[in-house]
Amino acid sequence: MKLKQMLFSSPEQTKNFARKVAALLKPRDIVILRGELGAGKTLFVQGLAEGLGVSDPELVRSPTFTLIHEYQGKLPLFHFDFYRLENVQEALALGLDEYFEGEGVSVIEWGNKFPTVLPERAYVIELKVISEAVREIILSPNIREKLQC
């Protein structure tokens, strides 16, 4: 499985790309964001939020302690963070199916911790730190196809 890799040299470039991704998302789409701490996952969600018409995307913060934040835009945005979850049961207790089968877009930071609870249709976007300013973004084939890249 060949993955598409891209380099972005500023936070604004990363957010611009996320806005482009958001323009192609539809209800029931799921985006899994992988990457180490500080890789730019929450920044990417801010770009998605902006692209989905959330009124103040700069207020988007990682739901590390609340586990989920909901934002209203052209489509509802459900922003999950699995970082603090310790087991699959905690993830399932969030009522994921209701979100995944609803009318919004679900974005999950650290979704790779519990892949068995996530539908196969989910898009995977990995962010890697190359240097202080540069990030590499790696796309799974299904999101590459959607983006036609």
Protein backbone atom coordinates (compact mmCIF):
# COMPACT_ATOMS: atom_id res chain seq x y z
CA MET A 1 0.00 0.00 0.00
CA LYS A 2 1.67 3.17 -1.20
CA LEU A 3 1.10 6.29 0.86
CA LYS A 4 1.22 9.87 -0.40
CA GLN A 5 3.72 12.05 1.47
CA MET A 6 3.84 15.84 1.50
CA LEU A 7 5.98 18.39 3.30
CA PHE A 8 4.64 21.61 4.81
CA SER A 9 6.99 24.29 6.10
CA SER A 10 4.58 26.37 8.16
CA PRO A 11 1.49 25.97 10.34
CA GLU A 12 -0.49 28.01 7.81
CA GLN A 13 0.39 25.58 5.00
CA THR A 14 -0.80 22.70 7.17
CA LYS A 15 -4.07 24.49 7.95
CA ASN A 16 -4.58 25.35 4.26
CA PHE A 17 -4.24 21.69 3.36
CA ALA A 18 -6.70 20.75 6.12
CA ARG A 19 -9.20 23.25 4.68
CA LYS A 20 -8.89 21.50 1.30
CA VAL A 21 -9.54 18.15 2.97
CA ALA A 22 -12.58 19.61 4.78
CA ALA A 23 -14.10 20.74 1.49
CA LEU A 24 -14.35 17.09 0.42
CA LEU A 25 -15.74 15.64 3.65
CA LYS A 26 -19.35 14.59 4.00
CA PRO A 27 -21.58 13.28 6.80
CA ARG A 28 -20.33 10.03 8.37
CA ASP A 29 -16.73 10.61 7.25
CA ILE A 30 -14.12 9.71 9.85
CA VAL A 31 -10.58 11.08 9.93
CA ILE A 32 -7.94 9.49 12.15
CA LEU A 33 -5.00 11.74 12.96
CA ARG A 34 -1.77 10.04 13.99
CA GLY A 35 1.41 11.68 15.17
CA GLU A 36 3.55 12.33 18.18
CA LEU A 37 2.86 15.09 20.68
CA GLY A 38 3.41 18.45 19.02
CA ALA A 39 3.13 17.12 15.47
CA GLY A 40 0.23 19.43 14.62
CA LYS A 41 -2.84 17.22 14.98
CA THR A 42 -4.91 19.89 16.73
CA LEU A 43 -3.69 22.53 14.28
CA PHE A 44 -4.91 20.26 11.49
CA VAL A 45 -8.32 20.02 13.19
CA GLN A 46 -8.44 23.84 13.36
CA GLY A 47 -7.99 23.90 9.58
CA LEU A 48 -10.70 21.27 9.15
CA ALA A 49 -13.00 23.31 11.40
CA GLU A 50 -12.39 26.42 9.34
CA GLY A 51 -13.08 24.50 6.14
CA LEU A 52 -16.30 23.13 7.62
CA GLY A 53 -17.50 26.64 8.49
CA VAL A 54 -17.05 26.54 12.27
CA SER A 55 -17.55 30.15 13.36
CA ASP A 56 -14.33 30.47 15.39
CA PRO A 57 -11.90 27.68 14.46
CA GLU A 58 -9.14 29.25 16.58
CA LEU A 59 -11.14 28.13 19.64
CA VAL A 60 -10.66 24.50 18.60
CA ARG A 61 -8.58 22.78 21.26
CA SER A 62 -7.62 19.18 21.80
CA PRO A 63 -10.25 17.44 23.95
CA THR A 64 -7.58 15.58 25.92
CA PHE A 65 -9.46 15.84 29.20
CA THR A 66 -13.07 16.08 27.98
CA LEU A 67 -12.43 13.38 25.32
CA ILE A 68 -14.79 14.99 22.78
CA HIS A 69 -15.65 18.48 21.59
CA GLU A 70 -18.53 19.23 19.24
CA TYR A 71 -18.49 22.20 16.86
CA GLN A 72 -21.26 23.46 14.59
CA GLY A 73 -20.55 24.48 11.01
CA LYS A 74 -21.83 23.49 7.56
CA LEU A 75 -21.48 20.00 9.00
CA PRO A 76 -21.14 19.18 12.69
CA LEU A 77 -17.54 18.40 13.65
CA PHE A 78 -16.98 15.80 16.38
CA HIS A 79 -13.41 16.05 17.67
CA PHE A 80 -12.21 13.10 19.77
CA ASP A 81 -8.90 12.56 21.56
CA PHE A 82 -8.00 8.99 22.56
CA TYR A 83 -4.66 9.98 24.15
CA ARG A 84 -5.79 9.51 27.78
CA LEU A 85 -7.95 6.44 27.16
CA GLU A 86 -6.49 3.28 28.63
CA ASN A 87 -8.54 0.55 26.98
CA VAL A 88 -11.06 -0.27 24.27
CA GLN A 89 -13.96 -0.21 26.75
CA GLU A 90 -13.28 3.46 27.51
CA ALA A 91 -13.35 4.24 23.80
CA LEU A 92 -16.60 2.33 23.30
CA ALA A 93 -18.18 4.12 26.28
CA LEU A 94 -18.03 7.36 24.26
CA GLY A 95 -20.89 6.09 22.07
CA LEU A 96 -18.78 6.21 18.94
CA ASP A 97 -21.36 4.55 16.68
CA GLU A 98 -23.84 7.35 17.29
CA TYR A 99 -21.27 9.88 16.10
CA PHE A 100 -19.92 7.76 13.25
CA GLU A 101 -23.41 7.11 11.83
CA GLY A 102 -24.68 10.65 12.45
CA GLU A 103 -24.80 13.74 10.29
CA GLY A 104 -21.35 15.07 11.10
CA VAL A 105 -17.66 14.49 10.48
CA SER A 106 -15.66 12.69 13.19
CA VAL A 107 -11.98 13.46 13.72
CA ILE A 108 -10.00 11.34 16.15
CA GLU A 109 -6.59 12.29 17.50
CA TRP A 110 -4.61 9.24 18.62
CA GLY A 111 -7.17 6.95 16.95
CA ASN A 112 -4.41 4.46 16.23
CA LYS A 113 -4.48 3.48 19.93
CA PHE A 114 -7.68 1.47 19.40
CA PRO A 115 -8.02 0.68 15.70
CA THR A 116 -10.53 -2.11 16.33
CA VAL A 117 -13.23 0.40 17.33
CA LEU A 118 -12.87 2.41 14.11
CA PRO A 119 -14.59 1.60 10.81
CA GLU A 120 -12.40 0.51 7.91
CA ARG A 121 -13.76 3.41 5.86
CA ALA A 122 -11.89 5.89 8.11
CA TYR A 123 -9.30 8.12 6.48
CA VAL A 124 -5.86 8.09 8.09
CA ILE A 125 -3.64 11.17 8.12
CA GLU A 126 -0.27 10.95 9.84
CA LEU A 127 1.71 14.03 10.82
CA LYS A 128 5.45 13.68 11.42
CA VAL A 129 7.82 16.26 12.85
CA ILE A 130 10.73 16.77 10.45
CA SER A 131 12.08 19.91 12.11
CA GLU A 132 10.74 22.69 14.31
CA ALA A 133 8.91 24.26 11.36
CA VAL A 134 8.52 21.37 8.89
CA ARG A 135 5.88 18.65 9.03
CA GLU A 136 5.44 15.66 6.80
CA ILE A 137 1.86 14.57 6.17
CA ILE A 138 1.23 11.02 5.03
CA LEU A 139 -2.17 10.10 3.60
CA SER A 140 -3.83 6.70 3.44
CA PRO A 141 -4.86 5.59 -0.07
CA ASN A 142 -8.58 6.21 0.49
CA ILE A 143 -8.07 9.91 1.34
CA ARG A 144 -5.54 10.25 -1.50
CA GLU A 145 -8.20 8.99 -3.89
CA LYS A 146 -10.75 11.45 -2.52
CA LEU A 147 -8.23 14.31 -2.89
CA GLN A 148 -7.11 12.99 -6.29
CA CYS A 149 -3.43 13.23 -5.41
